[in-house]
PDB file of N, CA and C in Angstrom:
ATOM      1  N   MET A   1     151.127  86.978  12.265  1.00  0.00           N
ATOM      2  CA  MET A   1     150.923  85.627  12.747  1.00  0.00           C
ATOM      3  C   MET A   1     152.287  84.963  12.856  1.00  0.00           C
ATOM      4  N   LEU A   2     152.524  84.369  14.012  1.00  0.00           N
ATOM      5  CA  LEU A   2     153.728  83.579  14.212  1.00  0.00           C
ATOM      6  C   LEU A   2     153.394  82.142  13.838  1.00  0.00           C
ATOM      7  N   VAL A   3     154.158  81.551  12.956  1.00  0.00           N
ATOM      8  CA  VAL A   3     153.913  80.189  12.487  1.00  0.00           C
ATOM      9  C   VAL A   3     155.090  79.320  12.892  1.00  0.00           C
ATOM     10  N   ALA A   4     154.825  78.365  13.775  1.00  0.00           N
ATOM     11  CA  ALA A   4     155.864  77.458  14.242  1.00  0.00           C
ATOM     12  C   ALA A   4     155.683  76.098  13.582  1.00  0.00           C
ATOM     13  N   GLY A   5     156.695  75.634  12.886  1.00  0.00           N
ATOM     14  CA  GLY A   5     156.629  74.355  12.197  1.00  0.00           C
ATOM     15  C   GLY A   5     155.997  74.488  10.835  1.00  0.00           C
ATOM     16  N   ARG A   6     155.664  73.346  10.258  1.00  0.00           N
ATOM     17  CA  ARG A   6     155.025  73.315   8.937  1.00  0.00           C
ATOM     18  C   ARG A   6     154.402  71.943   8.733  1.00  0.00           C
ATOM     19  N   HIS A   7     153.544  71.852   7.706  1.00  0.00           N
ATOM     20  CA  HIS A   7     152.953  70.559   7.363  1.00  0.00           C
ATOM     21  C   HIS A   7     154.064  69.634   6.904  1.00  0.00           C
ATOM     22  N   SER A   8     154.235  68.508   7.582  1.00  0.00           N
ATOM     23  CA  SER A   8     155.254  67.540   7.229  1.00  0.00           C
ATOM     24  C   SER A   8     155.011  66.286   8.040  1.00  0.00           C
ATOM     25  N   ALA A   9     155.358  65.165   7.480  1.00  0.00           N
ATOM     26  CA  ALA A   9     155.184  63.908   8.207  1.00  0.00           C
ATOM     27  C   ALA A   9     156.141  63.806   9.388  1.00  0.00           C
ATOM     28  N   THR A  10     157.268  64.497   9.332  1.00  0.00           N
ATOM     29  CA  THR A  10     158.279  64.332  10.373  1.00  0.00           C
ATOM     30  C   THR A  10     158.672  65.615  11.098  1.00  0.00           C
ATOM     31  N   LEU A  11     158.206  66.769  10.655  1.00  0.00           N
ATOM     32  CA  LEU A  11     158.635  68.014  11.279  1.00  0.00           C
ATOM     33  C   LEU A  11     157.542  68.567  12.177  1.00  0.00           C
ATOM     34  N   ASP A  12     157.698  68.354  13.472  1.00  0.00           N
ATOM     35  CA  ASP A  12     156.785  68.928  14.451  1.00  0.00           C
ATOM     36  C   ASP A  12     157.313  70.287  14.869  1.00  0.00           C
ATOM     37  N   SER A  13     156.411  71.161  15.287  1.00  0.00           N
ATOM     38  CA  SER A  13     156.857  72.459  15.784  1.00  0.00           C
ATOM     39  C   SER A  13     157.538  72.267  17.132  1.00  0.00           C
ATOM     40  N   ASP A  14     158.449  73.172  17.405  1.00  0.00           N
ATOM     41  CA  ASP A  14     159.266  73.103  18.612  1.00  0.00           C
ATOM     42  C   ASP A  14     159.048  74.392  19.403  1.00  0.00           C
ATOM     43  N   PRO A  15     158.774  74.287  20.715  1.00  0.00           N
ATOM     44  CA  PRO A  15     158.593  75.501  21.504  1.00  0.00           C
ATOM     45  C   PRO A  15     159.761  76.475  21.401  1.00  0.00           C
ATOM     46  N   ALA A  16     160.978  75.987  21.212  1.00  0.00           N
ATOM     47  CA  ALA A  16     162.129  76.882  21.061  1.00  0.00           C
ATOM     48  C   ALA A  16     161.994  77.724  19.792  1.00  0.00           C
ATOM     49  N   GLU A  17     161.408  77.146  18.752  1.00  0.00           N
ATOM     50  CA  GLU A  17     161.161  77.891  17.514  1.00  0.00           C
ATOM     51  C   GLU A  17     160.181  79.038  17.782  1.00  0.00           C
ATOM     52  N   PHE A  18     159.110  78.748  18.535  1.00  0.00           N
ATOM     53  CA  PHE A  18     158.160  79.793  18.890  1.00  0.00           C
ATOM     54  C   PHE A  18     158.847  80.882  19.700  1.00  0.00           C
ATOM     55  N   ASP A  19     159.680  80.477  20.664  1.00  0.00           N
ATOM     56  CA  ASP A  19     160.364  81.458  21.505  1.00  0.00           C
ATOM     57  C   ASP A  19     161.198  82.421  20.659  1.00  0.00           C
ATOM     58  N   THR A  20     161.878  81.895  19.645  1.00  0.00           N
ATOM     59  CA  THR A  20     162.676  82.739  18.745  1.00  0.00           C
ATOM     60  C   THR A  20     161.776  83.707  17.984  1.00  0.00           C
ATOM     61  N   LEU A  21     160.663  83.207  17.462  1.00  0.00           N
ATOM     62  CA  LEU A  21     159.728  84.064  16.733  1.00  0.00           C
ATOM     63  C   LEU A  21     159.145  85.141  17.643  1.00  0.00           C
ATOM     64  N   HIS A  22     158.770  84.750  18.859  1.00  0.00           N
ATOM     65  CA  HIS A  22     158.172  85.704  19.787  1.00  0.00           C
ATOM     66  C   HIS A  22     159.190  86.767  20.190  1.00  0.00           C
ATOM     67  N   GLN A  23     160.421  86.381  20.421  1.00  0.00           N
ATOM     68  CA  GLN A  23     161.442  87.363  20.783  1.00  0.00           C
ATOM     69  C   GLN A  23     161.638  88.381  19.661  1.00  0.00           C
ATOM     70  N   ALA A  24     161.568  87.932  18.418  1.00  0.00           N
ATOM     71  CA  ALA A  24     161.662  88.869  17.290  1.00  0.00           C
ATOM     72  C   ALA A  24     160.484  89.839  17.313  1.00  0.00           C
ATOM     73  N   LEU A  25     159.290  89.337  17.629  1.00  0.00           N
ATOM     74  CA  LEU A  25     158.103  90.184  17.722  1.00  0.00           C
ATOM     75  C   LEU A  25     158.262  91.202  18.838  1.00  0.00           C
ATOM     76  N   VAL A  26     158.761  90.757  19.972  1.00  0.00           N
ATOM     77  CA  VAL A  26     159.002  91.653  21.102  1.00  0.00           C
ATOM     78  C   VAL A  26     160.036  92.706  20.716  1.00  0.00           C
ATOM     79  N   GLY A  27     161.085  92.277  20.045  1.00  0.00           N
ATOM     80  CA  GLY A  27     162.163  93.185  19.648  1.00  0.00           C
ATOM     81  C   GLY A  27     161.711  94.312  18.739  1.00  0.00           C
ATOM     82  N   THR A  28     160.687  94.072  17.958  1.00  0.00           N
ATOM     83  CA  THR A  28     160.162  95.117  17.067  1.00  0.00           C
ATOM     84  C   THR A  28     159.182  96.036  17.772  1.00  0.00           C
ATOM     85  N   GLY A  29     158.744  95.645  18.974  1.00  0.00           N
ATOM     86  CA  GLY A  29     157.738  96.410  19.693  1.00  0.00           C
ATOM     87  C   GLY A  29     156.319  96.018  19.336  1.00  0.00           C
ATOM     88  N   LEU A  30     156.159  95.108  18.377  1.00  0.00           N
ATOM     89  CA  LEU A  30     154.815  94.733  17.937  1.00  0.00           C
ATOM     90  C   LEU A  30     154.059  93.872  18.937  1.00  0.00           C
ATOM     91  N   ALA A  31     154.773  93.127  19.763  1.00  0.00           N
ATOM     92  CA  ALA A  31     154.078  92.280  20.738  1.00  0.00           C
ATOM     93  C   ALA A  31     153.216  93.121  21.667  1.00  0.00           C
ATOM     94  N   ALA A  32     153.698  94.319  22.015  1.00  0.00           N
ATOM     95  CA  ALA A  32     152.945  95.196  22.909  1.00  0.00           C
ATOM     96  C   ALA A  32     151.985  96.113  22.158  1.00  0.00           C
ATOM     97  N   ALA A  33     152.283  96.414  20.896  1.00  0.00           N
ATOM     98  CA  ALA A  33     151.525  97.426  20.168  1.00  0.00           C
ATOM     99  C   ALA A  33     150.466  96.859  19.224  1.00  0.00           C
ATOM    100  N   ALA A  34     150.527  95.577  18.933  1.00  0.00           N
ATOM    101  CA  ALA A  34     149.623  95.019  17.918  1.00  0.00           C
ATOM    102  C   ALA A  34     148.936  93.761  18.438  1.00  0.00           C
ATOM    103  N   MET A  35     147.843  93.412  17.796  1.00  0.00           N
ATOM    104  CA  MET A  35     147.177  92.157  18.062  1.00  0.00           C
ATOM    105  C   MET A  35     147.921  91.101  17.244  1.00  0.00           C
ATOM    106  N   TRP A  36     148.345  90.030  17.882  1.00  0.00           N
ATOM    107  CA  TRP A  36     149.099  88.999  17.171  1.00  0.00           C
ATOM    108  C   TRP A  36     148.567  87.619  17.529  1.00  0.00           C
ATOM    109  N   MET A  37     148.872  86.650  16.678  1.00  0.00           N
ATOM    110  CA  MET A  37     148.405  85.291  16.912  1.00  0.00           C
ATOM    111  C   MET A  37     149.459  84.294  16.476  1.00  0.00           C
ATOM    112  N   THR A  38     149.246  83.076  16.890  1.00  0.00           N
ATOM    113  CA  THR A  38     150.175  81.991  16.615  1.00  0.00           C
ATOM    114  C   THR A  38     149.422  80.787  16.091  1.00  0.00           C
ATOM    115  N   CYS A  39     150.037  80.074  15.162  1.00  0.00           N
ATOM    116  CA  CYS A  39     149.592  78.726  14.828  1.00  0.00           C
ATOM    117  C   CYS A  39     150.825  77.837  14.844  1.00  0.00           C
ATOM    118  N   ALA A  40     150.612  76.568  15.094  1.00  0.00           N
ATOM    119  CA  ALA A  40     151.720  75.623  15.184  1.00  0.00           C
ATOM    120  C   ALA A  40     151.274  74.293  14.596  1.00  0.00           C
ATOM    121  N   PHE A  41     152.237  73.437  14.332  1.00  0.00           N
ATOM    122  CA  PHE A  41     151.961  72.162  13.670  1.00  0.00           C
ATOM    123  C   PHE A  41     152.508  70.999  14.476  1.00  0.00           C
ATOM    124  N   GLY A  42     151.851  69.860  14.347  1.00  0.00           N
ATOM    125  CA  GLY A  42     152.351  68.622  14.911  1.00  0.00           C
ATOM    126  C   GLY A  42     152.200  68.521  16.414  1.00  0.00           C
ATOM    127  N   ARG A  43     152.984  67.613  16.977  1.00  0.00           N
ATOM    128  CA  ARG A  43     152.864  67.287  18.394  1.00  0.00           C
ATOM    129  C   ARG A  43     153.154  68.459  19.319  1.00  0.00           C
ATOM    130  N   GLY A  44     153.912  69.437  18.875  1.00  0.00           N
ATOM    131  CA  GLY A  44     154.224  70.589  19.707  1.00  0.00           C
ATOM    132  C   GLY A  44     153.158  71.669  19.701  1.00  0.00           C
ATOM    133  N   GLU A  45     152.092  71.460  18.926  1.00  0.00           N
ATOM    134  CA  GLU A  45     151.089  72.505  18.751  1.00  0.00           C
ATOM    135  C   GLU A  45     150.525  73.032  20.063  1.00  0.00           C
ATOM    136  N   MET A  46     149.996  72.186  20.915  1.00  0.00           N
ATOM    137  CA  MET A  46     149.323  72.655  22.122  1.00  0.00           C
ATOM    138  C   MET A  46     150.278  73.373  23.074  1.00  0.00           C
ATOM    139  N   ALA A  47     151.497  72.887  23.203  1.00  0.00           N
ATOM    140  CA  ALA A  47     152.471  73.552  24.086  1.00  0.00           C
ATOM    141  C   ALA A  47     152.771  74.960  23.586  1.00  0.00           C
ATOM    142  N   ILE A  48     152.883  75.105  22.276  1.00  0.00           N
ATOM    143  CA  ILE A  48     153.174  76.414  21.695  1.00  0.00           C
ATOM    144  C   ILE A  48     151.970  77.340  21.824  1.00  0.00           C
ATOM    145  N   LEU A  49     150.781  76.823  21.561  1.00  0.00           N
ATOM    146  CA  LEU A  49     149.590  77.658  21.694  1.00  0.00           C
ATOM    147  C   LEU A  49     149.404  78.094  23.140  1.00  0.00           C
ATOM    148  N   GLU A  50     149.722  77.224  24.083  1.00  0.00           N
ATOM    149  CA  GLU A  50     149.644  77.606  25.494  1.00  0.00           C
ATOM    150  C   GLU A  50     150.615  78.751  25.801  1.00  0.00           C
ATOM    151  N   ARG A  51     151.823  78.672  25.278  1.00  0.00           N
ATOM    152  CA  ARG A  51     152.796  79.760  25.487  1.00  0.00           C
ATOM    153  C   ARG A  51     152.280  81.062  24.895  1.00  0.00           C
ATOM    154  N   SER A  52     151.715  80.972  23.702  1.00  0.00           N
ATOM    155  CA  SER A  52     151.195  82.163  23.040  1.00  0.00           C
ATOM    156  C   SER A  52     150.097  82.813  23.874  1.00  0.00           C
ATOM    157  N   ILE A  53     149.164  82.003  24.352  1.00  0.00           N
ATOM    158  CA  ILE A  53     148.073  82.523  25.181  1.00  0.00           C
ATOM    159  C   ILE A  53     148.642  83.170  26.443  1.00  0.00           C
ATOM    160  N   ALA A  54     149.591  82.505  27.082  1.00  0.00           N
ATOM    161  CA  ALA A  54     150.184  83.021  28.308  1.00  0.00           C
ATOM    162  C   ALA A  54     150.881  84.361  28.088  1.00  0.00           C
ATOM    163  N   LEU A  55     151.403  84.568  26.886  1.00  0.00           N
ATOM    164  CA  LEU A  55     152.120  85.804  26.567  1.00  0.00           C
ATOM    165  C   LEU A  55     151.214  86.891  25.984  1.00  0.00           C
ATOM    166  N   GLY A  56     149.906  86.624  25.934  1.00  0.00           N
ATOM    167  CA  GLY A  56     148.953  87.638  25.481  1.00  0.00           C
ATOM    168  C   GLY A  56     148.542  87.541  24.028  1.00  0.00           C
ATOM    169  N   GLY A  57     148.993  86.504  23.322  1.00  0.00           N
ATOM    170  CA  GLY A  57     148.634  86.353  21.917  1.00  0.00           C
ATOM    171  C   GLY A  57     147.313  85.635  21.725  1.00  0.00           C
ATOM    172  N   HIS A  58     146.812  85.726  20.522  1.00  0.00           N
ATOM    173  CA  HIS A  58     145.659  84.934  20.102  1.00  0.00           C
ATOM    174  C   HIS A  58     146.206  83.690  19.425  1.00  0.00           C
ATOM    175  N   VAL A  59     145.374  82.687  19.232  1.00  0.00           N
ATOM    176  CA  VAL A  59     145.839  81.460  18.600  1.00  0.00           C
ATOM    177  C   VAL A  59     144.878  80.998  17.519  1.00  0.00           C
ATOM    178  N   ARG A  60     145.421  80.244  16.612  1.00  0.00           N
ATOM    179  CA  ARG A  60     144.643  79.614  15.541  1.00  0.00           C
ATOM    180  C   ARG A  60     144.866  78.116  15.686  1.00  0.00           C
ATOM    181  N   VAL A  61     143.807  77.382  15.871  1.00  0.00           N
ATOM    182  CA  VAL A  61     143.909  75.926  16.010  1.00  0.00           C
ATOM    183  C   VAL A  61     143.036  75.285  14.941  1.00  0.00           C
ATOM    184  N   ARG A  62     143.601  74.287  14.286  1.00  0.00           N
ATOM    185  CA  ARG A  62     142.865  73.557  13.247  1.00  0.00           C
ATOM    186  C   ARG A  62     143.281  72.104  13.295  1.00  0.00           C
ATOM    187  N   PHE A  63     142.343  71.256  13.082  1.00  0.00           N
ATOM    188  CA  PHE A  63     142.559  69.813  13.117  1.00  0.00           C
ATOM    189  C   PHE A  63     143.711  69.392  12.204  1.00  0.00           C
ATOM    190  N   GLU A  64     143.779  69.966  11.021  1.00  0.00           N
ATOM    191  CA  GLU A  64     144.809  69.531  10.079  1.00  0.00           C
ATOM    192  C   GLU A  64     146.216  70.013  10.450  1.00  0.00           C
ATOM    193  N   ASN A  65     146.334  70.943  11.383  1.00  0.00           N
ATOM    194  CA  ASN A  65     147.661  71.378  11.832  1.00  0.00           C
ATOM    195  C   ASN A  65     148.326  70.323  12.705  1.00  0.00           C
ATOM    196  N   ALA A  66     147.532  69.543  13.387  1.00  0.00           N
ATOM    197  CA  ALA A  66     148.070  68.503  14.264  1.00  0.00           C
ATOM    198  C   ALA A  66     147.069  67.364  14.320  1.00  0.00           C
ATOM    199  N   ILE A  67     147.293  66.346  13.529  1.00  0.00           N
ATOM    200  CA  ILE A  67     146.341  65.232  13.498  1.00  0.00           C
ATOM    201  C   ILE A  67     146.605  64.224  14.605  1.00  0.00           C
ATOM    202  N   THR A  68     147.696  64.458  15.376  1.00  0.00           N
ATOM    203  CA  THR A  68     147.944  63.653  16.568  1.00  0.00           C
ATOM    204  C   THR A  68     148.193  64.594  17.740  1.00  0.00           C
ATOM    205  N   ASP A  69     147.982  64.079  18.943  1.00  0.00           N
ATOM    206  CA  ASP A  69     148.254  64.894  20.124  1.00  0.00           C
ATOM    207  C   ASP A  69     149.724  64.765  20.520  1.00  0.00           C
ATOM    208  N   ALA A  70     150.099  65.363  21.630  1.00  0.00           N
ATOM    209  CA  ALA A  70     151.495  65.366  22.061  1.00  0.00           C
ATOM    210  C   ALA A  70     152.040  63.957  22.305  1.00  0.00           C
ATOM    211  N   GLU A  71     151.160  63.014  22.620  1.00  0.00           N
ATOM    212  CA  GLU A  71     151.589  61.633  22.847  1.00  0.00           C
ATOM    213  C   GLU A  71     151.528  60.784  21.589  1.00  0.00           C
ATOM    214  N   GLY A  72     151.121  61.376  20.474  1.00  0.00           N
ATOM    215  CA  GLY A  72     151.052  60.637  19.213  1.00  0.00           C
ATOM    216  C   GLY A  72     149.735  59.955  18.937  1.00  0.00           C
ATOM    217  N   ARG A  73     148.745  60.164  19.813  1.00  0.00           N
ATOM    218  CA  ARG A  73     147.413  59.587  19.574  1.00  0.00           C
ATOM    219  C   ARG A  73     146.675  60.421  18.542  1.00  0.00           C
ATOM    220  N   PRO A  74     145.903  59.784  17.659  1.00  0.00           N
ATOM    221  CA  PRO A  74     145.158  60.547  16.651  1.00  0.00           C
ATOM    222  C   PRO A  74     144.175  61.524  17.294  1.00  0.00           C
ATOM    223  N   ALA A  75     144.152  62.745  16.773  1.00  0.00           N
ATOM    224  CA  ALA A  75     143.184  63.743  17.234  1.00  0.00           C
ATOM    225  C   ALA A  75     141.801  63.320  16.752  1.00  0.00           C
ATOM    226  N   ARG A  76     140.799  63.508  17.585  1.00  0.00           N
ATOM    227  CA  ARG A  76     139.449  63.059  17.245  1.00  0.00           C
ATOM    228  C   ARG A  76     138.794  63.935  16.189  1.00  0.00           C
ATOM    229  N   ASP A  77     138.796  65.246  16.406  1.00  0.00           N
ATOM    230  CA  ASP A  77     138.171  66.166  15.464  1.00  0.00           C
ATOM    231  C   ASP A  77     138.542  67.599  15.822  1.00  0.00           C
ATOM    232  N   ASN A  78     138.144  68.539  14.986  1.00  0.00           N
ATOM    233  CA  ASN A  78     138.478  69.940  15.203  1.00  0.00           C
ATOM    234  C   ASN A  78     137.825  70.484  16.473  1.00  0.00           C
ATOM    235  N   ALA A  79     136.597  70.082  16.740  1.00  0.00           N
ATOM    236  CA  ALA A  79     135.900  70.569  17.936  1.00  0.00           C
ATOM    237  C   ALA A  79     136.682  70.208  19.192  1.00  0.00           C
ATOM    238  N   ARG A  80     137.254  69.029  19.234  1.00  0.00           N
ATOM    239  CA  ARG A  80     138.046  68.611  20.400  1.00  0.00           C
ATOM    240  C   ARG A  80     139.290  69.473  20.533  1.00  0.00           C
ATOM    241  N   ARG A  81     139.954  69.785  19.420  1.00  0.00           N
ATOM    242  CA  ARG A  81     141.162  70.619  19.454  1.00  0.00           C
ATOM    243  C   ARG A  81     140.811  72.024  19.970  1.00  0.00           C
ATOM    244  N   VAL A  82     139.710  72.579  19.485  1.00  0.00           N
ATOM    245  CA  VAL A  82     139.274  73.907  19.926  1.00  0.00           C
ATOM    246  C   VAL A  82     138.928  73.878  21.414  1.00  0.00           C
ATOM    247  N   ALA A  83     138.255  72.821  21.866  1.00  0.00           N
ATOM    248  CA  ALA A  83     137.911  72.702  23.286  1.00  0.00           C
ATOM    249  C   ALA A  83     139.166  72.632  24.149  1.00  0.00           C
ATOM    250  N   MET A  84     140.195  71.965  23.652  1.00  0.00           N
ATOM    251  CA  MET A  84     141.455  71.879  24.400  1.00  0.00           C
ATOM    252  C   MET A  84     142.081  73.270  24.558  1.00  0.00           C
ATOM    253  N   VAL A  85     142.081  74.053  23.485  1.00  0.00           N
ATOM    254  CA  VAL A  85     142.646  75.405  23.547  1.00  0.00           C
ATOM    255  C   VAL A  85     141.802  76.293  24.460  1.00  0.00           C
ATOM    256  N   ALA A  86     140.486  76.162  24.385  1.00  0.00           N
ATOM    257  CA  ALA A  86     139.611  76.954  25.257  1.00  0.00           C
ATOM    258  C   ALA A  86     139.884  76.631  26.720  1.00  0.00           C
ATOM    259  N   ALA A  87     140.103  75.365  27.044  1.00  0.00           N
ATOM    260  CA  ALA A  87     140.402  74.977  28.423  1.00  0.00           C
ATOM    261  C   ALA A  87     141.743  75.567  28.868  1.00  0.00           C
ATOM    262  N   ILE A  88     142.726  75.561  27.982  1.00  0.00           N
ATOM    263  CA  ILE A  88     144.026  76.172  28.300  1.00  0.00           C
ATOM    264  C   ILE A  88     143.844  77.655  28.582  1.00  0.00           C
ATOM    265  N   ALA A  89     143.111  78.337  27.718  1.00  0.00           N
ATOM    266  CA  ALA A  89     142.899  79.776  27.888  1.00  0.00           C
ATOM    267  C   ALA A  89     142.230  80.067  29.232  1.00  0.00           C
ATOM    268  N   ARG A  90     141.206  79.326  29.562  1.00  0.00           N
ATOM    269  CA  ARG A  90     140.506  79.550  30.827  1.00  0.00           C
ATOM    270  C   ARG A  90     141.420  79.279  32.020  1.00  0.00           C
ATOM    271  N   ARG A  91     142.225  78.232  31.931  1.00  0.00           N
ATOM    272  CA  ARG A  91     143.162  77.921  33.019  1.00  0.00           C
ATOM    273  C   ARG A  91     144.156  79.059  33.216  1.00  0.00           C
ATOM    274  N   LEU A  92     144.483  79.761  32.117  1.00  0.00           N
ATOM    275  CA  LEU A  92     145.420  80.883  32.184  1.00  0.00           C
ATOM    276  C   LEU A  92     144.725  82.220  32.437  1.00  0.00           C
ATOM    277  N   GLY A  93     143.423  82.172  32.725  1.00  0.00           N
ATOM    278  CA  GLY A  93     142.696  83.390  33.068  1.00  0.00           C
ATOM    279  C   GLY A  93     142.219  84.207  31.883  1.00  0.00           C
ATOM    280  N   ARG A  94     142.154  83.583  30.709  1.00  0.00           N
ATOM    281  CA  ARG A  94     141.658  84.284  29.519  1.00  0.00           C
ATOM    282  C   ARG A  94     140.429  83.563  29.003  1.00  0.00           C
ATOM    283  N   GLU A  95     139.393  84.311  28.726  1.00  0.00           N
ATOM    284  CA  GLU A  95     138.153  83.733  28.213  1.00  0.00           C
ATOM    285  C   GLU A  95     138.215  83.709  26.693  1.00  0.00           C
ATOM    286  N   PRO A  96     137.971  82.554  26.077  1.00  0.00           N
ATOM    287  CA  PRO A  96     137.984  82.497  24.609  1.00  0.00           C
ATOM    288  C   PRO A  96     136.937  83.441  24.021  1.00  0.00           C
ATOM    289  N   GLY A  97     137.272  84.038  22.912  1.00  0.00           N
ATOM    290  CA  GLY A  97     136.362  84.954  22.243  1.00  0.00           C
ATOM    291  C   GLY A  97     135.386  84.211  21.349  1.00  0.00           C
ATOM    292  N   GLY A  98     134.284  84.835  21.096  1.00  0.00           N
ATOM    293  CA  GLY A  98     133.283  84.282  20.202  1.00  0.00           C
ATOM    294  C   GLY A  98     133.346  84.941  18.835  1.00  0.00           C
ATOM    295  N   ARG A  99     132.224  84.925  18.169  1.00  0.00           N
ATOM    296  CA  ARG A  99     132.116  85.443  16.811  1.00  0.00           C
ATOM    297  C   ARG A  99     132.506  86.915  16.711  1.00  0.00           C
ATOM    298  N   GLU A 100     132.049  87.735  17.654  1.00  0.00           N
ATOM    299  CA  GLU A 100     132.346  89.170  17.576  1.00  0.00           C
ATOM    300  C   GLU A 100     133.829  89.451  17.780  1.00  0.00           C
ATOM    301  N   VAL A 101     134.471  88.698  18.661  1.00  0.00           N
ATOM    302  CA  VAL A 101     135.917  88.866  18.844  1.00  0.00           C
ATOM    303  C   VAL A 101     136.645  88.458  17.563  1.00  0.00           C
ATOM    304  N   ALA A 102     136.217  87.358  16.950  1.00  0.00           N
ATOM    305  CA  ALA A 102     136.834  86.926  15.689  1.00  0.00           C
ATOM    306  C   ALA A 102     136.681  88.005  14.619  1.00  0.00           C
ATOM    307  N   ARG A 103     135.517  88.599  14.545  1.00  0.00           N
ATOM    308  CA  ARG A 103     135.308  89.678  13.569  1.00  0.00           C
ATOM    309  C   ARG A 103     136.241  90.851  13.859  1.00  0.00           C
ATOM    310  N   HIS A 104     136.404  91.196  15.123  1.00  0.00           N
ATOM    311  CA  HIS A 104     137.289  92.293  15.497  1.00  0.00           C
ATOM    312  C   HIS A 104     138.735  91.972  15.097  1.00  0.00           C
ATOM    313  N   VAL A 105     139.177  90.768  15.433  1.00  0.00           N
ATOM    314  CA  VAL A 105     140.547  90.357  15.101  1.00  0.00           C
ATOM    315  C   VAL A 105     140.765  90.399  13.595  1.00  0.00           C
ATOM    316  N   LEU A 106     139.751  90.002  12.842  1.00  0.00           N
ATOM    317  CA  LEU A 106     139.864  89.979  11.376  1.00  0.00           C
ATOM    318  C   LEU A 106     139.517  91.314  10.729  1.00  0.00           C
ATOM    319  N   GLY A 107     139.129  92.298  11.529  1.00  0.00           N
ATOM    320  CA  GLY A 107     138.829  93.621  10.997  1.00  0.00           C
ATOM    321  C   GLY A 107     137.510  93.717  10.266  1.00  0.00           C
ATOM    322  N   GLN A 108     136.547  92.912  10.640  1.00  0.00           N
ATOM    323  CA  GLN A 108     135.246  92.918   9.973  1.00  0.00           C
ATOM    324  C   GLN A 108     134.239  93.749  10.760  1.00  0.00           C
ATOM    325  N   ARG A 109     133.242  94.281  10.059  1.00  0.00           N
ATOM    326  CA  ARG A 109     132.164  95.000  10.715  1.00  0.00           C
ATOM    327  C   ARG A 109     131.256  94.012  11.435  1.00  0.00           C
ATOM    328  N   ALA A 110     130.668  94.449  12.534  1.00  0.00           N
ATOM    329  CA  ALA A 110     129.713  93.612  13.250  1.00  0.00           C
ATOM    330  C   ALA A 110     128.584  93.235  12.308  1.00  0.00           C
ATOM    331  N   GLY A 111     128.241  91.975  12.307  1.00  0.00           N
ATOM    332  CA  GLY A 111     127.158  91.492  11.461  1.00  0.00           C
ATOM    333  C   GLY A 111     127.573  91.245  10.025  1.00  0.00           C
ATOM    334  N   GLY A 112     128.797  91.634   9.642  1.00  0.00           N
ATOM    335  CA  GLY A 112     129.271  91.399   8.284  1.00  0.00           C
ATOM    336  C   GLY A 112     129.823  89.997   8.124  1.00  0.00           C
ATOM    337  N   ALA A 113     129.944  89.580   6.907  1.00  0.00           N
ATOM    338  CA  ALA A 113     130.485  88.256   6.629  1.00  0.00           C
ATOM    339  C   ALA A 113     131.959  88.209   6.981  1.00  0.00           C
ATOM    340  N   LEU A 114     132.410  87.072   7.495  1.00  0.00           N
ATOM    341  CA  LEU A 114     133.835  86.900   7.771  1.00  0.00           C
ATOM    342  C   LEU A 114     134.612  86.629   6.484  1.00  0.00           C
ATOM    343  N   LEU A 115     133.958  86.031   5.526  1.00  0.00           N
ATOM    344  CA  LEU A 115     134.586  85.760   4.239  1.00  0.00           C
ATOM    345  C   LEU A 115     133.803  86.485   3.151  1.00  0.00           C
ATOM    346  N   HIS A 116     134.510  87.015   2.207  1.00  0.00           N
ATOM    347  CA  HIS A 116     133.868  87.737   1.112  1.00  0.00           C
ATOM    348  C   HIS A 116     134.022  86.930  -0.171  1.00  0.00           C
ATOM    349  N   ARG A 117     133.011  86.953  -0.993  1.00  0.00           N
ATOM    350  CA  ARG A 117     133.101  86.302  -2.308  1.00  0.00           C
ATOM    351  C   ARG A 117     133.927  87.161  -3.233  1.00  0.00           C
ATOM    352  N   ALA A 118     134.706  86.509  -4.064  1.00  0.00           N
ATOM    353  CA  ALA A 118     135.471  87.239  -5.067  1.00  0.00           C
ATOM    354  C   ALA A 118     134.485  87.854  -6.049  1.00  0.00           C
ATOM    355  N   SER A 119     134.803  89.020  -6.566  1.00  0.00           N
ATOM    356  CA  SER A 119     133.888  89.658  -7.510  1.00  0.00           C
ATOM    357  C   SER A 119     133.693  88.750  -8.719  1.00  0.00           C
ATOM    358  N   GLY A 120     132.469  88.657  -9.164  1.00  0.00           N
ATOM    359  CA  GLY A 120     132.125  87.816 -10.298  1.00  0.00           C
ATOM    360  C   GLY A 120     131.834  86.379  -9.903  1.00  0.00           C
ATOM    361  N   ALA A 121     131.934  86.060  -8.610  1.00  0.00           N
ATOM    362  CA  ALA A 121     131.700  84.666  -8.179  1.00  0.00           C
ATOM    363  C   ALA A 121     130.244  84.446  -7.899  1.00  0.00           C
TER     364      ALA A 121
END
């Protein structure tokens, strides 16, 4: 997973940071050989996720990663953020995956739980 930025009141992710991370991934050969994903924080989140999708990566989007949009307006909810990423993916010719794709990405068996309880829980 490529992680651009971090949780901070003032540190937004920067597309140049993603570009550096992606170039390192390409340099190792993993960009072509492995399934990879990106998450980003702050106002730069959507621009970075769009780049990741365009380059063949998967993305992780969560409301708490960016509570404001690129213009600084408060994000409404997680569903809206996911819908924004889905629209980007479709515009770039990629169809967002559903539950089975998520299970595949996470290495889970079909029909199995995505999260496992710790033993003794």
